[in-house]
């Protein structure tokens, strides 16, 4: 399939809606970065793809294409459903904007968001994304990636969600970094003591030579 797609492109054919539907969800993950970049964004309007099983790089590229494809509907209720299959590649900034639109994201979608994007969301923004599905978040608090998100939040802010999330940072606690000291010298103590004893004399000799020269 990968060879067929490559040959199709080499012959100068475009990855339009017809081609994308022929590739479909089954083979979309085979597209490399160059082939993904060749997709004309409007083609995604008529294509039916699900890149959830693809690499993160593929998800990221397809999300950017889909964002352009549906940009004229960004303020319409239908936008969320159109962009939904591609949200696994959405950056944090876009998710923050989406959190203001009452999209009622389900947990299946939430836990497949980009990890780095998820970690940058505040409790209020997560509440905005999940909406009526927020109570289900508590059922995931001991599993990744929700567990990793929870430990980055202030417990006081988690408490404002009123769903029983625990494990956040308590007020007044500071993460301290223990300084690393160099390992003690392996030289015998007698040798170290002799060096320190002779050091003033060595320095004096060095200064005398420097002055005389």
N, C-alpha and C. Protein backbone atom coordinates (compact mmCIF):
# COMPACT_ATOMS: atom_id res chain seq x y z
N UNK A 1 0.83 -1.21 0.00
CA UNK A 1 0.00 0.00 0.00
C UNK A 1 0.87 1.26 0.00
N UNK A 2 1.93 1.24 0.80
CA UNK A 2 2.83 2.38 0.87
C UNK A 2 3.49 2.63 -0.49
N UNK A 3 3.90 1.55 -1.16
CA UNK A 3 4.52 1.67 -2.48
C UNK A 3 3.54 2.20 -3.51
N UNK A 4 2.29 1.77 -3.39
CA UNK A 4 1.26 2.23 -4.33
C UNK A 4 0.99 3.72 -4.15
N UNK A 5 0.96 4.17 -2.91
CA UNK A 5 0.75 5.60 -2.63
C UNK A 5 1.92 6.42 -3.16
N UNK A 6 3.13 5.90 -2.94
CA UNK A 6 4.32 6.60 -3.42
C UNK A 6 4.32 6.72 -4.93
N UNK A 7 3.97 5.63 -5.61
CA UNK A 7 3.92 5.63 -7.08
C UNK A 7 2.85 6.59 -7.58
N UNK A 8 1.73 6.61 -6.92
CA UNK A 8 0.63 7.51 -7.27
C UNK A 8 1.10 8.96 -7.22
N UNK A 9 1.87 9.28 -6.17
CA UNK A 9 2.37 10.64 -6.02
C UNK A 9 3.44 10.96 -7.05
N UNK A 10 4.29 9.98 -7.34
CA UNK A 10 5.37 10.18 -8.32
C UNK A 10 4.82 10.48 -9.71
N UNK A 11 3.64 9.99 -10.00
CA UNK A 11 3.01 10.22 -11.30
C UNK A 11 2.34 11.59 -11.38
N UNK A 12 2.50 12.38 -10.31
CA UNK A 12 1.97 13.74 -10.31
C UNK A 12 0.53 13.86 -9.89
N UNK A 13 -0.03 12.81 -9.32
CA UNK A 13 -1.42 12.84 -8.88
C UNK A 13 -1.54 13.52 -7.52
N UNK A 14 -2.65 14.18 -7.28
CA UNK A 14 -2.87 14.90 -6.03
C UNK A 14 -3.57 14.01 -4.99
N UNK A 15 -3.28 14.29 -3.74
CA UNK A 15 -4.00 13.59 -2.66
C UNK A 15 -5.29 14.38 -2.39
N UNK A 16 -6.23 14.23 -3.31
CA UNK A 16 -7.51 14.92 -3.16
C UNK A 16 -8.47 14.05 -2.35
N UNK A 17 -9.71 14.48 -2.25
CA UNK A 17 -10.69 13.77 -1.45
C UNK A 17 -10.89 12.33 -1.92
N UNK A 18 -10.92 12.13 -3.24
CA UNK A 18 -11.09 10.78 -3.78
C UNK A 18 -9.94 9.88 -3.36
N UNK A 19 -8.72 10.40 -3.48
CA UNK A 19 -7.54 9.61 -3.10
C UNK A 19 -7.52 9.34 -1.60
N UNK A 20 -7.87 10.35 -0.81
CA UNK A 20 -7.85 10.17 0.65
C UNK A 20 -8.88 9.14 1.10
N UNK A 21 -10.05 9.14 0.46
CA UNK A 21 -11.06 8.15 0.81
C UNK A 21 -10.63 6.75 0.37
N UNK A 22 -9.87 6.67 -0.73
CA UNK A 22 -9.35 5.38 -1.18
C UNK A 22 -8.30 4.87 -0.20
N UNK A 23 -7.46 5.80 0.29
CA UNK A 23 -6.46 5.43 1.31
C UNK A 23 -7.16 5.04 2.60
N UNK A 24 -8.10 5.90 3.01
CA UNK A 24 -8.92 5.61 4.17
C UNK A 24 -8.15 5.50 5.47
N UNK A 25 -8.88 5.23 6.53
CA UNK A 25 -8.29 5.09 7.86
C UNK A 25 -7.31 3.93 7.92
N UNK A 26 -7.55 2.91 7.11
CA UNK A 26 -6.70 1.72 7.16
C UNK A 26 -5.26 2.02 6.78
N UNK A 27 -5.05 2.95 5.83
CA UNK A 27 -3.70 3.20 5.34
C UNK A 27 -3.20 4.63 5.56
N UNK A 28 -4.01 5.49 6.19
CA UNK A 28 -3.61 6.88 6.36
C UNK A 28 -2.31 7.00 7.16
N UNK A 29 -2.08 6.06 8.07
CA UNK A 29 -0.87 6.12 8.90
C UNK A 29 0.40 5.80 8.11
N UNK A 30 0.24 5.30 6.88
CA UNK A 30 1.41 5.00 6.05
C UNK A 30 1.97 6.24 5.37
N UNK A 31 1.19 7.31 5.34
CA UNK A 31 1.64 8.53 4.68
C UNK A 31 2.82 9.13 5.44
N UNK A 32 3.88 9.48 4.69
CA UNK A 32 5.02 10.11 5.33
C UNK A 32 4.81 11.63 5.38
N UNK A 33 5.76 12.34 5.98
CA UNK A 33 5.60 13.78 6.17
C UNK A 33 5.43 14.52 4.85
N UNK A 34 6.19 14.12 3.84
CA UNK A 34 6.11 14.78 2.53
C UNK A 34 4.73 14.59 1.91
N UNK A 35 4.21 13.38 2.00
CA UNK A 35 2.89 13.09 1.44
C UNK A 35 1.79 13.81 2.21
N UNK A 36 1.95 13.89 3.52
CA UNK A 36 0.96 14.60 4.34
C UNK A 36 0.95 16.08 3.99
N UNK A 37 2.12 16.65 3.79
CA UNK A 37 2.21 18.06 3.44
C UNK A 37 1.56 18.34 2.09
N UNK A 38 1.51 17.32 1.22
CA UNK A 38 0.94 17.50 -0.11
C UNK A 38 -0.59 17.50 -0.12
N UNK A 39 -1.20 17.17 1.01
CA UNK A 39 -2.67 17.15 1.08
C UNK A 39 -3.21 18.57 0.99
N UNK A 40 -4.14 18.78 0.12
CA UNK A 40 -4.80 20.08 0.01
C UNK A 40 -5.87 20.14 1.10
N UNK A 41 -5.76 21.06 2.07
CA UNK A 41 -6.69 21.09 3.20
C UNK A 41 -8.17 20.93 2.85
N UNK A 42 -8.69 21.63 1.82
CA UNK A 42 -10.13 21.46 1.50
C UNK A 42 -10.53 20.02 1.20
N UNK A 43 -9.57 19.18 0.84
CA UNK A 43 -9.88 17.78 0.54
C UNK A 43 -10.40 17.05 1.78
N UNK A 44 -9.98 17.51 2.94
CA UNK A 44 -10.41 16.85 4.18
C UNK A 44 -11.89 17.08 4.46
N UNK A 45 -12.47 18.06 3.81
CA UNK A 45 -13.90 18.29 4.00
C UNK A 45 -14.74 17.11 3.49
N UNK A 46 -14.24 16.44 2.45
CA UNK A 46 -14.98 15.35 1.83
C UNK A 46 -14.38 13.98 2.14
N UNK A 47 -13.35 13.96 2.94
CA UNK A 47 -12.70 12.69 3.27
C UNK A 47 -13.13 12.22 4.65
N UNK A 48 -13.09 10.92 4.84
CA UNK A 48 -13.44 10.34 6.14
C UNK A 48 -12.23 9.60 6.67
N UNK A 49 -11.50 10.24 7.59
CA UNK A 49 -10.27 9.67 8.12
C UNK A 49 -10.30 9.64 9.64
N UNK A 50 -9.60 8.67 10.20
CA UNK A 50 -9.44 8.57 11.64
C UNK A 50 -7.97 8.26 11.93
N UNK A 51 -7.16 9.29 12.24
CA UNK A 51 -5.73 9.07 12.45
C UNK A 51 -5.36 8.71 13.88
N UNK A 52 -6.31 8.27 14.68
CA UNK A 52 -6.05 8.02 16.10
C UNK A 52 -4.98 6.96 16.34
N UNK A 53 -4.79 6.04 15.40
CA UNK A 53 -3.78 4.99 15.57
C UNK A 53 -2.43 5.37 14.97
N UNK A 54 -2.33 6.57 14.43
CA UNK A 54 -1.09 6.99 13.75
C UNK A 54 -0.06 7.53 14.75
N UNK A 55 1.13 7.80 14.24
CA UNK A 55 2.18 8.39 15.06
C UNK A 55 1.78 9.81 15.45
N UNK A 56 2.42 10.33 16.49
CA UNK A 56 2.09 11.69 16.92
C UNK A 56 2.42 12.71 15.85
N UNK A 57 3.48 12.49 15.11
CA UNK A 57 3.84 13.42 14.03
C UNK A 57 2.73 13.48 12.99
N UNK A 58 2.19 12.30 12.61
CA UNK A 58 1.11 12.26 11.63
C UNK A 58 -0.13 12.96 12.16
N UNK A 59 -0.45 12.73 13.42
CA UNK A 59 -1.61 13.39 14.03
C UNK A 59 -1.44 14.91 14.01
N UNK A 60 -0.24 15.37 14.35
CA UNK A 60 0.03 16.80 14.38
C UNK A 60 -0.15 17.44 13.01
N UNK A 61 0.40 16.79 11.98
CA UNK A 61 0.30 17.34 10.63
C UNK A 61 -1.14 17.33 10.12
N UNK A 62 -1.85 16.24 10.36
CA UNK A 62 -3.23 16.17 9.90
C UNK A 62 -4.13 17.16 10.64
N UNK A 63 -3.83 17.39 11.91
CA UNK A 63 -4.63 18.38 12.65
C UNK A 63 -4.48 19.76 12.01
N UNK A 64 -3.26 20.13 11.68
CA UNK A 64 -3.04 21.45 11.07
C UNK A 64 -3.77 21.56 9.73
N UNK A 65 -3.78 20.46 8.97
CA UNK A 65 -4.51 20.46 7.70
C UNK A 65 -6.02 20.60 7.95
N UNK A 66 -6.52 19.85 8.92
CA UNK A 66 -7.95 19.89 9.22
C UNK A 66 -8.36 21.25 9.76
N UNK A 67 -7.50 21.86 10.54
CA UNK A 67 -7.80 23.19 11.09
C UNK A 67 -7.99 24.21 9.97
N UNK A 68 -7.14 24.12 8.96
CA UNK A 68 -7.29 25.01 7.81
C UNK A 68 -8.54 24.66 7.01
N UNK A 69 -8.81 23.36 6.88
CA UNK A 69 -9.96 22.92 6.09
C UNK A 69 -11.28 23.44 6.65
N UNK A 70 -11.37 23.49 7.98
CA UNK A 70 -12.64 23.87 8.61
C UNK A 70 -12.58 25.25 9.27
N UNK A 71 -11.59 26.05 8.91
CA UNK A 71 -11.39 27.35 9.56
C UNK A 71 -12.60 28.28 9.41
N UNK A 72 -13.31 28.16 8.30
CA UNK A 72 -14.45 29.05 8.09
C UNK A 72 -15.65 28.68 8.95
N UNK A 73 -15.58 27.53 9.64
CA UNK A 73 -16.68 27.11 10.50
C UNK A 73 -16.28 27.11 11.97
N UNK A 74 -15.18 27.79 12.26
CA UNK A 74 -14.61 27.74 13.60
C UNK A 74 -15.58 28.22 14.67
N UNK A 75 -16.42 29.17 14.34
CA UNK A 75 -17.36 29.72 15.32
C UNK A 75 -18.73 29.04 15.29
N UNK A 76 -18.88 28.02 14.48
CA UNK A 76 -20.16 27.32 14.38
C UNK A 76 -20.16 26.08 15.27
N UNK A 77 -21.32 25.68 15.78
CA UNK A 77 -21.41 24.48 16.62
C UNK A 77 -20.88 23.22 15.94
N UNK A 78 -20.98 23.18 14.61
CA UNK A 78 -20.57 21.98 13.88
C UNK A 78 -19.05 21.82 13.85
N UNK A 79 -18.30 22.86 14.19
CA UNK A 79 -16.84 22.81 14.08
C UNK A 79 -16.25 21.68 14.92
N UNK A 80 -16.75 21.52 16.14
CA UNK A 80 -16.19 20.50 17.02
C UNK A 80 -16.32 19.11 16.41
N UNK A 81 -17.46 18.79 15.86
CA UNK A 81 -17.65 17.46 15.27
C UNK A 81 -16.75 17.26 14.05
N UNK A 82 -16.51 18.33 13.31
CA UNK A 82 -15.66 18.23 12.12
C UNK A 82 -14.19 18.02 12.49
N UNK A 83 -13.74 18.72 13.53
CA UNK A 83 -12.32 18.66 13.91
C UNK A 83 -12.04 17.50 14.86
N UNK A 84 -13.09 16.91 15.42
CA UNK A 84 -12.96 15.86 16.44
C UNK A 84 -11.99 14.73 16.07
N UNK A 85 -12.05 14.14 14.86
CA UNK A 85 -11.15 13.02 14.56
C UNK A 85 -9.67 13.40 14.59
N UNK A 86 -9.39 14.69 14.52
CA UNK A 86 -8.00 15.15 14.40
C UNK A 86 -7.46 15.79 15.69
N UNK A 87 -8.26 15.80 16.74
CA UNK A 87 -7.86 16.51 17.97
C UNK A 87 -6.64 15.89 18.67
N UNK A 88 -6.29 14.67 18.30
CA UNK A 88 -5.10 14.06 18.89
C UNK A 88 -3.82 14.77 18.53
N UNK A 89 -3.90 15.71 17.57
CA UNK A 89 -2.73 16.49 17.20
C UNK A 89 -2.84 17.95 17.56
N UNK A 90 -3.84 18.32 18.35
CA UNK A 90 -4.08 19.73 18.68
C UNK A 90 -3.12 20.25 19.74
N UNK A 91 -2.53 21.43 19.53
CA UNK A 91 -1.66 22.04 20.55
C UNK A 91 -2.50 22.58 21.70
N UNK A 92 -1.85 22.87 22.81
CA UNK A 92 -2.55 23.34 24.00
C UNK A 92 -3.34 24.63 23.73
N UNK A 93 -2.76 25.54 22.97
CA UNK A 93 -3.42 26.83 22.71
C UNK A 93 -4.79 26.62 22.06
N UNK A 94 -4.89 25.68 21.14
CA UNK A 94 -6.16 25.42 20.46
C UNK A 94 -7.17 24.76 21.39
N UNK A 95 -6.68 23.89 22.26
CA UNK A 95 -7.58 23.24 23.22
C UNK A 95 -8.12 24.25 24.22
N UNK A 96 -7.30 25.22 24.59
CA UNK A 96 -7.75 26.27 25.51
C UNK A 96 -8.90 27.07 24.89
N UNK A 97 -8.76 27.37 23.60
CA UNK A 97 -9.83 28.09 22.89
C UNK A 97 -11.08 27.22 22.82
N UNK A 98 -10.90 25.95 22.53
CA UNK A 98 -12.03 25.02 22.41
C UNK A 98 -12.77 24.86 23.74
N UNK A 99 -12.05 25.04 24.85
CA UNK A 99 -12.66 24.85 26.17
C UNK A 99 -13.73 25.91 26.46
N UNK A 100 -13.77 26.97 25.67
CA UNK A 100 -14.76 28.03 25.89
C UNK A 100 -16.05 27.78 25.13
N UNK A 101 -16.09 26.68 24.37
CA UNK A 101 -17.21 26.46 23.46
C UNK A 101 -18.22 25.40 23.91
N UNK A 102 -18.12 24.93 25.15
CA UNK A 102 -19.08 23.95 25.67
C UNK A 102 -19.22 22.74 24.74
N UNK A 103 -18.09 22.09 24.46
CA UNK A 103 -18.11 20.98 23.50
C UNK A 103 -18.47 19.64 24.13
N UNK A 104 -18.44 19.54 25.47
CA UNK A 104 -18.76 18.29 26.14
C UNK A 104 -17.95 17.11 25.60
N UNK A 105 -16.65 17.28 25.59
CA UNK A 105 -15.75 16.24 25.11
C UNK A 105 -15.88 14.98 25.97
N UNK A 106 -15.91 13.81 25.35
CA UNK A 106 -15.99 12.58 26.14
C UNK A 106 -14.59 12.15 26.57
N UNK A 107 -14.52 11.29 27.57
CA UNK A 107 -13.24 10.90 28.14
C UNK A 107 -12.39 10.11 27.16
N UNK A 108 -13.02 9.38 26.27
CA UNK A 108 -12.26 8.61 25.28
C UNK A 108 -11.41 9.53 24.42
N UNK A 109 -11.98 10.67 24.06
CA UNK A 109 -11.23 11.66 23.29
C UNK A 109 -10.21 12.38 24.17
N UNK A 110 -10.62 12.73 25.38
CA UNK A 110 -9.76 13.49 26.30
C UNK A 110 -8.44 12.78 26.58
N UNK A 111 -8.49 11.49 26.85
CA UNK A 111 -7.27 10.77 27.22
C UNK A 111 -6.37 10.47 26.03
N UNK A 112 -6.84 10.77 24.81
CA UNK A 112 -6.00 10.56 23.64
C UNK A 112 -5.46 11.88 23.08
N UNK A 113 -5.68 12.97 23.82
CA UNK A 113 -5.10 14.25 23.41
C UNK A 113 -3.59 14.19 23.54
N UNK A 114 -2.91 15.08 22.85
CA UNK A 114 -1.46 15.17 22.98
C UNK A 114 -1.09 15.35 24.45
N UNK A 115 -0.16 14.54 24.94
CA UNK A 115 0.19 14.61 26.35
C UNK A 115 0.73 15.99 26.74
N UNK A 116 1.61 16.55 25.91
CA UNK A 116 2.18 17.85 26.25
C UNK A 116 1.10 18.94 26.25
N UNK A 117 0.10 18.80 25.40
CA UNK A 117 -1.00 19.76 25.37
C UNK A 117 -1.85 19.63 26.62
N UNK A 118 -2.15 18.41 26.99
CA UNK A 118 -2.98 18.15 28.16
C UNK A 118 -2.36 18.70 29.43
N UNK A 119 -1.03 18.55 29.56
CA UNK A 119 -0.35 18.99 30.77
C UNK A 119 -0.38 20.51 30.95
N UNK A 120 -0.68 21.25 29.88
CA UNK A 120 -0.71 22.71 29.97
C UNK A 120 -2.11 23.26 30.24
N UNK A 121 -3.08 22.38 30.41
CA UNK A 121 -4.45 22.84 30.66
C UNK A 121 -4.69 23.03 32.15
N UNK A 122 -5.42 24.07 32.51
CA UNK A 122 -5.79 24.32 33.89
C UNK A 122 -7.05 23.52 34.22
N UNK A 123 -7.35 23.34 35.51
CA UNK A 123 -8.60 22.66 35.88
C UNK A 123 -9.83 23.31 35.26
N UNK A 124 -9.87 24.63 35.20
CA UNK A 124 -11.01 25.32 34.61
C UNK A 124 -11.14 25.01 33.13
N UNK A 125 -10.00 24.93 32.45
CA UNK A 125 -10.02 24.63 31.01
C UNK A 125 -10.45 23.19 30.76
N UNK A 126 -10.01 22.28 31.62
CA UNK A 126 -10.45 20.89 31.51
C UNK A 126 -11.95 20.80 31.74
N UNK A 127 -12.44 21.55 32.72
CA UNK A 127 -13.88 21.59 32.98
C UNK A 127 -14.63 22.11 31.75
N UNK A 128 -14.06 23.13 31.09
CA UNK A 128 -14.69 23.68 29.90
C UNK A 128 -14.74 22.67 28.77
N UNK A 129 -13.70 21.85 28.63
CA UNK A 129 -13.67 20.85 27.57
C UNK A 129 -14.66 19.72 27.84
N UNK A 130 -14.64 19.21 29.07
CA UNK A 130 -15.46 18.02 29.38
C UNK A 130 -16.93 18.35 29.62
N UNK A 131 -17.19 19.53 30.15
CA UNK A 131 -18.58 19.92 30.38
C UNK A 131 -19.34 18.90 31.22
N UNK A 132 -20.42 18.37 30.66
CA UNK A 132 -21.27 17.44 31.40
C UNK A 132 -20.56 16.11 31.68
N UNK A 133 -19.45 15.87 31.02
CA UNK A 133 -18.70 14.62 31.24
C UNK A 133 -17.62 14.76 32.31
N UNK A 134 -17.54 15.92 32.96
CA UNK A 134 -16.50 16.18 33.96
C UNK A 134 -16.46 15.13 35.08
N UNK A 135 -17.60 14.68 35.64
CA UNK A 135 -17.53 13.70 36.73
C UNK A 135 -16.75 12.43 36.38
N UNK A 136 -16.69 12.07 35.11
CA UNK A 136 -15.97 10.87 34.70
C UNK A 136 -14.45 11.02 34.87
N UNK A 137 -14.00 12.26 35.00
CA UNK A 137 -12.57 12.51 35.17
C UNK A 137 -12.04 11.84 36.43
N UNK A 138 -12.87 11.82 37.48
CA UNK A 138 -12.45 11.22 38.75
C UNK A 138 -12.19 9.72 38.62
N UNK A 139 -12.86 9.06 37.69
CA UNK A 139 -12.66 7.63 37.49
C UNK A 139 -11.31 7.32 36.85
N UNK A 140 -10.68 8.35 36.31
CA UNK A 140 -9.39 8.17 35.63
C UNK A 140 -8.21 8.72 36.44
N UNK A 141 -8.46 9.22 37.64
CA UNK A 141 -7.40 9.94 38.34
C UNK A 141 -6.20 9.07 38.73
N UNK A 142 -6.35 7.77 38.70
CA UNK A 142 -5.22 6.89 39.01
C UNK A 142 -4.58 6.29 37.77
N UNK A 143 -5.03 6.77 36.60
CA UNK A 143 -4.49 6.24 35.34
C UNK A 143 -3.91 7.37 34.50
N UNK A 144 -2.87 7.03 33.74
CA UNK A 144 -2.30 8.02 32.82
C UNK A 144 -3.29 8.27 31.68
N UNK A 145 -3.34 9.46 31.13
CA UNK A 145 -2.53 10.64 31.46
C UNK A 145 -3.15 11.54 32.52
N UNK A 146 -4.36 11.19 33.00
CA UNK A 146 -5.04 12.03 33.99
C UNK A 146 -4.22 12.11 35.27
N UNK A 147 -3.65 10.99 35.70
CA UNK A 147 -2.83 10.96 36.92
C UNK A 147 -1.67 11.95 36.80
N UNK A 148 -1.02 11.98 35.64
CA UNK A 148 0.12 12.88 35.44
C UNK A 148 -0.32 14.33 35.42
N UNK A 149 -1.52 14.58 34.92
CA UNK A 149 -2.05 15.94 34.91
C UNK A 149 -2.41 16.40 36.31
N UNK A 150 -3.03 15.53 37.09
CA UNK A 150 -3.48 15.87 38.44
C UNK A 150 -2.32 16.34 39.32
N UNK A 151 -1.20 15.63 39.29
CA UNK A 151 -0.08 15.96 40.18
C UNK A 151 0.54 17.32 39.85
N UNK A 152 0.25 17.86 38.67
CA UNK A 152 0.79 19.16 38.30
C UNK A 152 -0.10 20.31 38.76
N UNK A 153 -1.31 20.00 39.24
CA UNK A 153 -2.27 21.03 39.62
C UNK A 153 -2.24 21.32 41.12
N UNK A 154 -2.66 22.51 41.49
CA UNK A 154 -2.84 22.83 42.91
C UNK A 154 -4.09 22.13 43.41
N UNK A 155 -3.99 21.53 44.57
CA UNK A 155 -5.13 20.79 45.11
C UNK A 155 -6.33 21.72 45.32
N UNK A 156 -6.06 22.97 45.70
CA UNK A 156 -7.14 23.92 45.92
C UNK A 156 -7.93 24.17 44.63
N UNK A 157 -7.24 24.16 43.48
CA UNK A 157 -7.93 24.36 42.20
C UNK A 157 -8.69 23.10 41.78
N UNK A 158 -8.13 21.93 42.10
CA UNK A 158 -8.84 20.68 41.81
C UNK A 158 -10.12 20.60 42.64
N UNK A 159 -10.05 21.12 43.86
CA UNK A 159 -11.22 21.07 44.75
C UNK A 159 -12.39 21.89 44.21
N UNK A 160 -12.08 22.92 43.41
CA UNK A 160 -13.16 23.76 42.86
C UNK A 160 -14.00 23.01 41.83
N UNK A 161 -13.50 21.86 41.35
CA UNK A 161 -14.26 21.06 40.39
C UNK A 161 -15.34 20.22 41.08
N UNK A 162 -15.14 19.98 42.39
CA UNK A 162 -16.13 19.26 43.20
C UNK A 162 -16.44 17.86 42.67
N UNK A 163 -15.39 17.16 42.25
CA UNK A 163 -15.60 15.78 41.78
C UNK A 163 -14.70 14.80 42.55
N UNK A 164 -14.04 15.29 43.61
CA UNK A 164 -13.25 14.41 44.46
C UNK A 164 -11.86 14.08 43.97
N UNK A 165 -11.28 14.90 43.10
CA UNK A 165 -9.91 14.64 42.64
C UNK A 165 -8.91 14.91 43.75
N UNK A 166 -7.98 14.01 43.95
CA UNK A 166 -6.94 14.18 44.96
C UNK A 166 -5.58 13.90 44.33
N UNK A 167 -4.53 14.39 45.00
CA UNK A 167 -3.17 14.14 44.51
C UNK A 167 -2.48 15.37 43.99
N UNK A 168 -3.16 16.52 44.05
CA UNK A 168 -2.55 17.76 43.58
C UNK A 168 -1.57 18.31 44.60
N UNK A 169 -0.90 19.38 44.25
CA UNK A 169 0.08 20.02 45.13
C UNK A 169 -0.63 20.80 46.22
N UNK A 170 -0.23 20.58 47.47
CA UNK A 170 -0.82 21.30 48.60
C UNK A 170 -0.22 22.69 48.69
N UNK A 171 -1.01 23.65 49.16
CA UNK A 171 -0.53 25.02 49.31
C UNK A 171 0.63 25.07 50.30
N UNK A 172 1.64 25.87 49.99
CA UNK A 172 2.77 26.03 50.90
C UNK A 172 3.89 25.05 50.66
N UNK A 173 3.67 24.04 49.82
CA UNK A 173 4.71 23.07 49.53
C UNK A 173 5.53 23.54 48.33
N UNK A 174 6.82 23.34 48.42
CA UNK A 174 7.73 23.73 47.36
C UNK A 174 8.58 22.54 46.98
N UNK A 175 8.71 22.30 45.70
CA UNK A 175 9.60 21.23 45.25
C UNK A 175 11.04 21.69 45.34
N UNK A 176 11.80 21.03 46.19
CA UNK A 176 13.19 21.40 46.39
C UNK A 176 14.09 20.48 45.58
N UNK A 177 15.11 21.07 44.99
CA UNK A 177 16.10 20.29 44.25
C UNK A 177 17.32 20.12 45.13
N UNK A 178 17.65 18.88 45.45
CA UNK A 178 18.80 18.61 46.30
C UNK A 178 20.09 18.86 45.54
N UNK A 179 20.96 19.75 46.08
CA UNK A 179 22.21 20.03 45.36
C UNK A 179 23.10 18.81 45.30
N UNK A 180 23.80 18.66 44.19
CA UNK A 180 24.72 17.54 44.03
C UNK A 180 26.14 18.01 44.29
N UNK A 181 26.77 17.41 45.29
CA UNK A 181 28.14 17.76 45.61
C UNK A 181 29.08 16.78 44.92
N UNK A 182 30.28 17.26 44.56
CA UNK A 182 31.24 16.35 43.94
C UNK A 182 31.65 15.25 44.88
N UNK A 183 31.93 14.07 44.32
CA UNK A 183 32.33 12.93 45.15
C UNK A 183 33.65 13.23 45.81
N UNK A 184 33.84 12.76 47.06
CA UNK A 184 35.11 12.97 47.76
C UNK A 184 36.25 12.40 46.93
N UNK A 185 37.41 13.05 47.06
CA UNK A 185 38.58 12.59 46.33
C UNK A 185 38.96 11.19 46.77
N UNK A 186 39.42 10.41 45.81
CA UNK A 186 39.84 9.05 46.12
C UNK A 186 41.28 9.01 46.61
N UNK A 187 41.95 10.18 46.60
CA UNK A 187 43.34 10.21 47.06
C UNK A 187 43.40 9.97 48.55
N UNK A 188 44.46 9.32 49.07
CA UNK A 188 44.62 9.08 50.51
C UNK A 188 44.61 10.40 51.25
N UNK A 189 44.06 10.39 52.49
CA UNK A 189 43.96 11.61 53.28
C UNK A 189 45.32 12.22 53.53
N UNK A 190 46.32 11.38 53.68
CA UNK A 190 47.66 11.90 53.93
C UNK A 190 48.17 12.72 52.77
N UNK A 191 47.91 12.24 51.57
CA UNK A 191 48.34 12.96 50.36
C UNK A 191 47.62 14.29 50.25
N UNK A 192 46.29 14.30 50.52
CA UNK A 192 45.51 15.53 50.46
C UNK A 192 46.02 16.54 51.47
N UNK A 193 46.33 16.06 52.69
CA UNK A 193 46.82 16.95 53.74
C UNK A 193 48.16 17.55 53.35
N UNK A 194 49.02 16.77 52.72
CA UNK A 194 50.34 17.26 52.31
C UNK A 194 50.23 18.34 51.25
N UNK A 195 49.27 18.13 50.30
CA UNK A 195 49.07 19.13 49.26
C UNK A 195 48.65 20.46 49.86
N UNK A 196 47.69 20.43 50.81
CA UNK A 196 47.24 21.66 51.45
C UNK A 196 48.35 22.31 52.26
N UNK A 197 49.23 21.49 52.86
CA UNK A 197 50.34 22.00 53.66
C UNK A 197 51.37 22.71 52.78
N UNK A 198 51.62 22.18 51.60
CA UNK A 198 52.63 22.74 50.70
C UNK A 198 52.09 23.85 49.82
N UNK A 199 50.75 24.00 49.75
CA UNK A 199 50.16 24.95 48.83
C UNK A 199 50.66 26.38 49.03
N UNK A 200 50.69 26.91 50.27
CA UNK A 200 51.20 28.29 50.45
C UNK A 200 52.62 28.46 49.92
N UNK A 201 53.48 27.47 50.19
CA UNK A 201 54.87 27.57 49.74
C UNK A 201 54.95 27.55 48.22
N UNK A 202 54.12 26.72 47.58
CA UNK A 202 54.12 26.65 46.13
C UNK A 202 53.64 27.97 45.52
N UNK A 203 52.61 28.57 46.11
CA UNK A 203 52.11 29.85 45.62
C UNK A 203 53.15 30.94 45.77
N UNK A 204 53.83 30.95 46.92
CA UNK A 204 54.86 31.96 47.18
C UNK A 204 55.99 31.85 46.16
N UNK A 205 56.40 30.61 45.87
CA UNK A 205 57.46 30.39 44.88
C UNK A 205 57.03 30.88 43.50
N UNK A 206 55.77 30.61 43.15
CA UNK A 206 55.25 31.03 41.84
C UNK A 206 55.23 32.55 41.72
N UNK A 207 54.81 33.24 42.79
CA UNK A 207 54.76 34.69 42.77
C UNK A 207 56.15 35.30 42.69
N UNK A 208 57.12 34.70 43.42
CA UNK A 208 58.50 35.19 43.41
C UNK A 208 59.08 35.10 42.01
N UNK A 209 58.87 33.95 41.35
CA UNK A 209 59.38 33.76 40.00
C UNK A 209 58.75 34.77 39.04
N UNK A 210 57.45 35.01 39.21
CA UNK A 210 56.74 35.95 38.33
C UNK A 210 57.28 37.36 38.48
N UNK A 211 57.57 37.77 39.74
CA UNK A 211 58.07 39.12 39.99
C UNK A 211 59.47 39.31 39.42
N UNK A 212 60.34 38.30 39.65
CA UNK A 212 61.72 38.39 39.20
C UNK A 212 61.82 38.36 37.67
N UNK A 213 60.86 37.70 37.03
CA UNK A 213 60.92 37.62 35.58
C UNK A 213 60.35 38.90 34.95
